[in-house]
Protein backbone atom coordinates (compact mmCIF):
# COMPACT_ATOMS: atom_id res chain seq x y z
CA MET A 1 27.50 44.36 0.47
CA ASN A 2 26.78 40.60 0.89
CA ILE A 3 27.70 38.75 -1.67
CA PHE A 4 25.76 36.11 -3.20
CA PRO A 5 27.49 32.96 -4.30
CA PRO A 6 26.44 30.82 -7.07
CA LEU A 7 23.29 28.78 -5.20
CA LEU A 8 19.63 28.21 -6.19
CA ASN A 9 18.73 29.27 -2.62
CA ALA A 10 20.15 32.47 -2.90
CA ILE A 11 19.19 34.76 0.81
CA ASP A 12 17.88 38.58 -0.23
CA SER A 13 20.34 41.22 1.34
CA PRO A 14 18.34 42.63 4.06
CA GLY A 15 15.89 46.40 3.58
CA ASN A 16 18.48 48.59 1.44
CA ALA A 17 21.56 47.66 1.69
CA TRP A 18 23.60 47.34 -1.63
CA TYR A 19 23.93 43.06 -3.01
CA LEU A 20 25.74 41.66 -5.88
CA LEU A 21 24.17 39.25 -8.05
CA SER A 22 26.90 37.27 -8.95
CA GLY A 23 26.32 33.97 -11.03
CA MET A 24 30.21 33.18 -11.44
CA ALA A 25 30.71 29.63 -9.87
CA GLN A 26 34.05 28.17 -8.39
CA GLU A 27 37.26 27.87 -10.32
CA LYS A 28 35.68 29.45 -13.03
CA ALA A 29 33.27 27.05 -14.34
CA LEU A 30 30.82 28.47 -16.70
CA LEU A 31 27.32 29.81 -14.65
CA LYS A 32 24.41 27.04 -16.21
CA CYS A 33 21.07 28.52 -17.45
CA GLY A 34 17.97 27.36 -18.18
CA VAL A 35 16.06 29.11 -20.35
CA LEU A 36 11.78 29.34 -20.62
CA ALA A 37 10.50 29.64 -23.81
CA SER A 38 6.92 29.95 -25.57
CA GLY A 39 7.06 30.39 -28.59
CA ARG A 40 9.60 30.86 -32.40
CA GLY A 41 12.81 30.92 -29.72
CA THR A 42 14.65 33.55 -31.27
CA ASN A 43 15.72 35.15 -28.53
CA LEU A 44 16.99 32.16 -26.89
CA GLU A 45 19.07 31.69 -30.68
CA ALA A 46 20.57 34.32 -29.85
CA ILE A 47 21.54 33.85 -26.76
CA LEU A 48 22.82 30.35 -27.94
CA LYS A 49 24.51 32.33 -30.93
CA ALA A 50 26.60 34.15 -28.46
CA GLN A 51 27.43 30.99 -26.39
CA LYS A 52 28.62 29.76 -29.39
CA ARG A 53 31.49 33.14 -30.41
CA GLY A 54 32.51 32.49 -26.31
CA VAL A 55 31.38 35.95 -25.64
CA LEU A 56 28.41 35.18 -23.68
CA GLY A 57 30.16 33.89 -20.27
CA ALA A 58 27.62 30.81 -19.70
CA GLU A 59 25.78 28.33 -21.41
CA VAL A 60 22.40 26.76 -22.08
CA ALA A 61 22.24 23.38 -20.09
CA VAL A 62 18.38 22.57 -20.14
CA VAL A 63 14.89 24.39 -22.58
CA LEU A 64 11.61 23.81 -20.60
CA SER A 65 7.97 25.54 -22.74
CA ASP A 66 4.84 25.52 -21.89
CA VAL A 67 3.69 24.26 -25.37
CA GLN A 68 4.32 21.09 -26.67
CA THR A 69 4.76 23.04 -30.99
CA ALA A 70 6.87 25.97 -29.12
CA GLY A 71 9.78 26.05 -31.95
CA ALA A 72 12.28 26.84 -28.68
CA LEU A 73 12.62 23.33 -28.47
CA GLU A 74 13.73 22.41 -32.10
CA LYS A 75 15.65 25.46 -31.74
CA ALA A 76 17.80 23.94 -28.60
CA LYS A 77 17.87 19.75 -30.22
CA GLU A 78 19.24 22.23 -32.80
CA TYR A 79 22.60 23.21 -30.82
CA GLY A 80 22.20 20.14 -28.49
CA ILE A 81 20.40 21.13 -25.27
CA PRO A 82 18.62 19.24 -23.52
CA SER A 83 14.51 20.23 -24.15
CA PHE A 84 11.37 19.43 -22.33
CA PHE A 85 7.26 20.31 -22.80
CA VAL A 86 5.62 20.22 -19.07
CA SER A 87 2.47 20.58 -19.66
CA PRO A 88 1.44 24.08 -18.65
CA GLY A 89 -2.00 22.82 -16.57
CA THR A 90 -6.21 24.47 -17.70
CA GLN A 91 -4.96 27.93 -15.95
CA LYS A 92 -4.28 30.54 -18.86
CA ALA A 93 -2.02 33.12 -17.98
CA ARG A 94 -0.22 31.31 -14.45
CA LEU A 95 1.37 27.99 -14.17
CA PRO A 96 -0.97 25.79 -11.02
CA ALA A 97 2.61 25.39 -7.94
CA GLU A 98 2.72 21.99 -8.73
CA THR A 99 4.03 22.41 -12.46
CA GLU A 100 5.72 25.01 -11.25
CA MET A 101 7.95 22.08 -8.78
CA GLU A 102 7.69 20.97 -11.76
CA TYR A 103 9.67 23.86 -13.64
CA THR A 104 11.98 23.87 -10.65
CA ARG A 105 12.93 20.56 -9.74
CA ILE A 106 14.45 20.27 -13.62
CA LEU A 107 16.36 23.14 -13.31
CA LYS A 108 17.84 22.15 -10.56
CA SER A 109 18.51 18.32 -12.01
CA PHE A 110 20.56 20.87 -14.23
CA ASP A 111 22.29 23.00 -12.02
CA VAL A 112 21.35 25.58 -13.96
CA GLY A 113 21.77 29.19 -11.33
CA LEU A 114 20.49 31.65 -13.70
CA VAL A 115 16.19 31.48 -15.72
CA LEU A 116 16.28 33.42 -18.38
CA LEU A 117 12.71 34.14 -20.13
CA ALA A 118 12.28 34.51 -23.82
CA GLY A 119 8.72 34.96 -24.74
CA PHE A 120 7.60 32.69 -21.88
CA MET A 121 3.91 33.58 -21.65
CA ARG A 122 3.50 32.63 -17.78
CA ILE A 123 3.78 35.14 -15.09
CA LEU A 124 5.40 33.27 -12.38
CA GLY A 125 4.36 32.70 -9.46
CA LYS A 126 5.89 32.35 -5.87
CA THR A 127 6.67 28.80 -5.37
CA PHE A 128 8.73 29.65 -8.64
CA LEU A 129 10.49 33.27 -7.57
CA GLU A 130 11.25 31.59 -3.68
CA ASN A 131 13.72 29.18 -5.48
CA PHE A 132 15.38 31.37 -7.99
CA ARG A 133 15.09 34.86 -6.19
CA ASN A 134 16.87 37.56 -8.01
CA ARG A 135 18.31 35.00 -10.55
CA ILE A 136 15.50 35.26 -13.12
CA LEU A 137 15.74 37.63 -15.94
CA ASN A 138 13.25 38.74 -18.87
CA ILE A 139 12.54 41.14 -22.01
CA HIS A 140 10.42 43.40 -23.09
CA PRO A 141 9.64 44.26 -26.07
CA SER A 142 8.73 48.08 -24.96
CA LEU A 143 10.39 50.86 -22.38
CA LEU A 144 9.77 49.64 -18.89
CA PRO A 145 7.72 51.29 -16.86
CA SER A 146 5.89 52.06 -20.36
CA PHE A 147 3.14 49.90 -21.43
CA ARG A 148 3.21 46.46 -19.16
CA GLY A 149 1.93 42.85 -20.19
CA LEU A 150 0.65 41.14 -23.07
CA GLU A 151 1.19 43.36 -27.34
CA ALA A 152 3.53 45.86 -25.95
CA GLN A 153 3.71 47.05 -29.66
CA ARG A 154 0.50 47.45 -30.13
CA GLN A 155 0.72 49.76 -27.14
CA ALA A 156 3.22 52.42 -28.19
CA LEU A 157 1.88 52.41 -31.82
CA GLU A 158 -1.74 53.70 -30.28
CA TYR A 159 -0.47 55.83 -27.79
CA GLY A 160 1.60 57.84 -29.76
CA VAL A 161 5.24 57.58 -29.12
CA LYS A 162 7.83 58.22 -31.37
CA TYR A 163 10.23 56.08 -29.98
CA ALA A 164 9.58 52.31 -28.74
CA GLY A 165 12.50 50.02 -27.84
CA CYS A 166 12.60 46.43 -26.05
CA THR A 167 14.45 46.05 -21.87
CA VAL A 168 15.90 42.95 -20.10
CA HIS A 169 14.75 43.68 -15.95
CA PHE A 170 15.08 41.06 -13.23
CA VAL A 171 11.41 39.28 -12.35
CA ASP A 172 9.54 39.84 -9.00
CA GLU A 173 6.28 39.06 -8.12
CA GLY A 174 4.28 41.60 -10.40
CA VAL A 175 3.82 41.97 -14.09
CA ASP A 176 7.32 43.07 -15.73
CA SER A 177 8.05 45.50 -12.47
CA GLY A 178 11.47 44.03 -11.60
CA PRO A 179 14.62 45.97 -11.58
CA ILE A 180 16.20 46.97 -15.13
CA ILE A 181 18.94 46.01 -15.87
CA LEU A 182 19.12 47.14 -19.49
CA GLN A 183 17.60 49.29 -22.37
CA ALA A 184 17.09 50.31 -26.33
CA VAL A 185 15.82 51.95 -27.92
CA VAL A 186 13.95 52.32 -31.55
CA PRO A 187 12.86 54.83 -33.76
CA VAL A 188 8.95 54.52 -34.43
CA TYR A 189 8.16 55.85 -37.84
CA ASP A 190 4.51 57.03 -39.61
CA ASN A 191 3.87 54.25 -41.78
CA ASP A 192 4.43 51.35 -39.13
CA THR A 193 2.32 48.98 -37.51
CA ALA A 194 2.89 46.16 -35.02
CA HIS A 195 4.59 44.05 -36.86
CA SER A 196 7.63 46.29 -38.37
CA LEU A 197 7.80 48.14 -35.35
CA SER A 198 8.40 44.35 -33.44
CA GLU A 199 11.27 43.70 -36.29
CA ARG A 200 13.43 47.05 -35.20
CA ILE A 201 12.33 45.92 -31.54
CA LEU A 202 13.71 42.45 -32.03
CA ALA A 203 16.23 43.41 -33.37
CA GLU A 204 17.74 45.32 -30.65
CA GLU A 205 16.15 42.37 -28.50
CA HIS A 206 18.76 39.90 -29.74
CA ARG A 207 21.94 42.71 -29.04
CA ILE A 208 21.01 43.30 -25.17
CA TYR A 209 20.10 39.36 -23.87
CA PRO A 210 22.91 38.29 -24.54
CA GLU A 211 24.70 41.26 -23.64
CA ALA A 212 22.92 41.38 -19.49
CA VAL A 213 24.02 37.76 -19.04
CA ARG A 214 26.78 38.07 -19.52
CA LEU A 215 27.18 41.40 -17.41
CA PHE A 216 26.06 38.83 -14.64
CA ALA A 217 27.38 35.73 -15.22
CA GLN A 218 30.50 38.82 -14.55
CA GLY A 219 28.62 39.63 -11.06
CA ARG A 220 28.56 43.30 -12.55
CA LEU A 221 24.99 43.64 -11.05
CA GLU A 222 24.62 45.54 -8.17
CA VAL A 223 21.07 46.01 -7.04
CA SER A 224 19.90 48.88 -4.58
CA GLY A 225 15.64 49.03 -4.37
CA ARG A 226 15.35 49.58 -8.49
CA ARG A 227 17.99 50.35 -9.17
CA VAL A 228 20.66 48.68 -11.22
CA VAL A 229 24.10 49.20 -11.56
CA VAL A 230 26.54 48.65 -14.26
CA ARG A 231 30.03 47.65 -12.32
CA PRO A 232 32.83 49.11 -14.45
CA GLU A 233 34.35 45.46 -16.41
CA GLU A 234 38.20 44.95 -14.04
């Protein structure tokens, strides 16, 4: 078993060997998180509220956005968290390599050990992933691997599922394809709209995303291939 120290350039475990993803810093210093967000910032606020209650086991050190008017930037200011708009360039779905380098520079300047995507509407590329390998989490409003990508709630309704939900997962090179950490399930009602279903799922997102951060910070997530096992609390 390879134990990952709280470094930004942690070395990948070879093959399918078990490895421990640990965000716990030496001498019990809190794990520093950087949040990337494009929208209202409701998941950011849920994380910040958990931090304020003392149950997160980590602290948000900085918030970055690719949208200058994003509500997440205002949420960060309300909580006294440094926040920055970083222009995304001209590409619609991805960040140019030079922009990813700027994101990386800012996050490293705040000693970030865990990156949290909270409604960040860009696909991260090789430059960014290599700097934070196995240290990026995302939350997606579906029960992955179903309904990846945009408008997952609408996809679920159109498919006719009876249950939907949300997933916290590690981020890899694919779209919503990394190993799954936590999931929560909600019912789908016959009279649901994309909006009503989204709101029901969002309440669960606000519950499980801070929990996933806490588990990572406590070093309780073990990964082998696609499986993530939550180790018991000591």
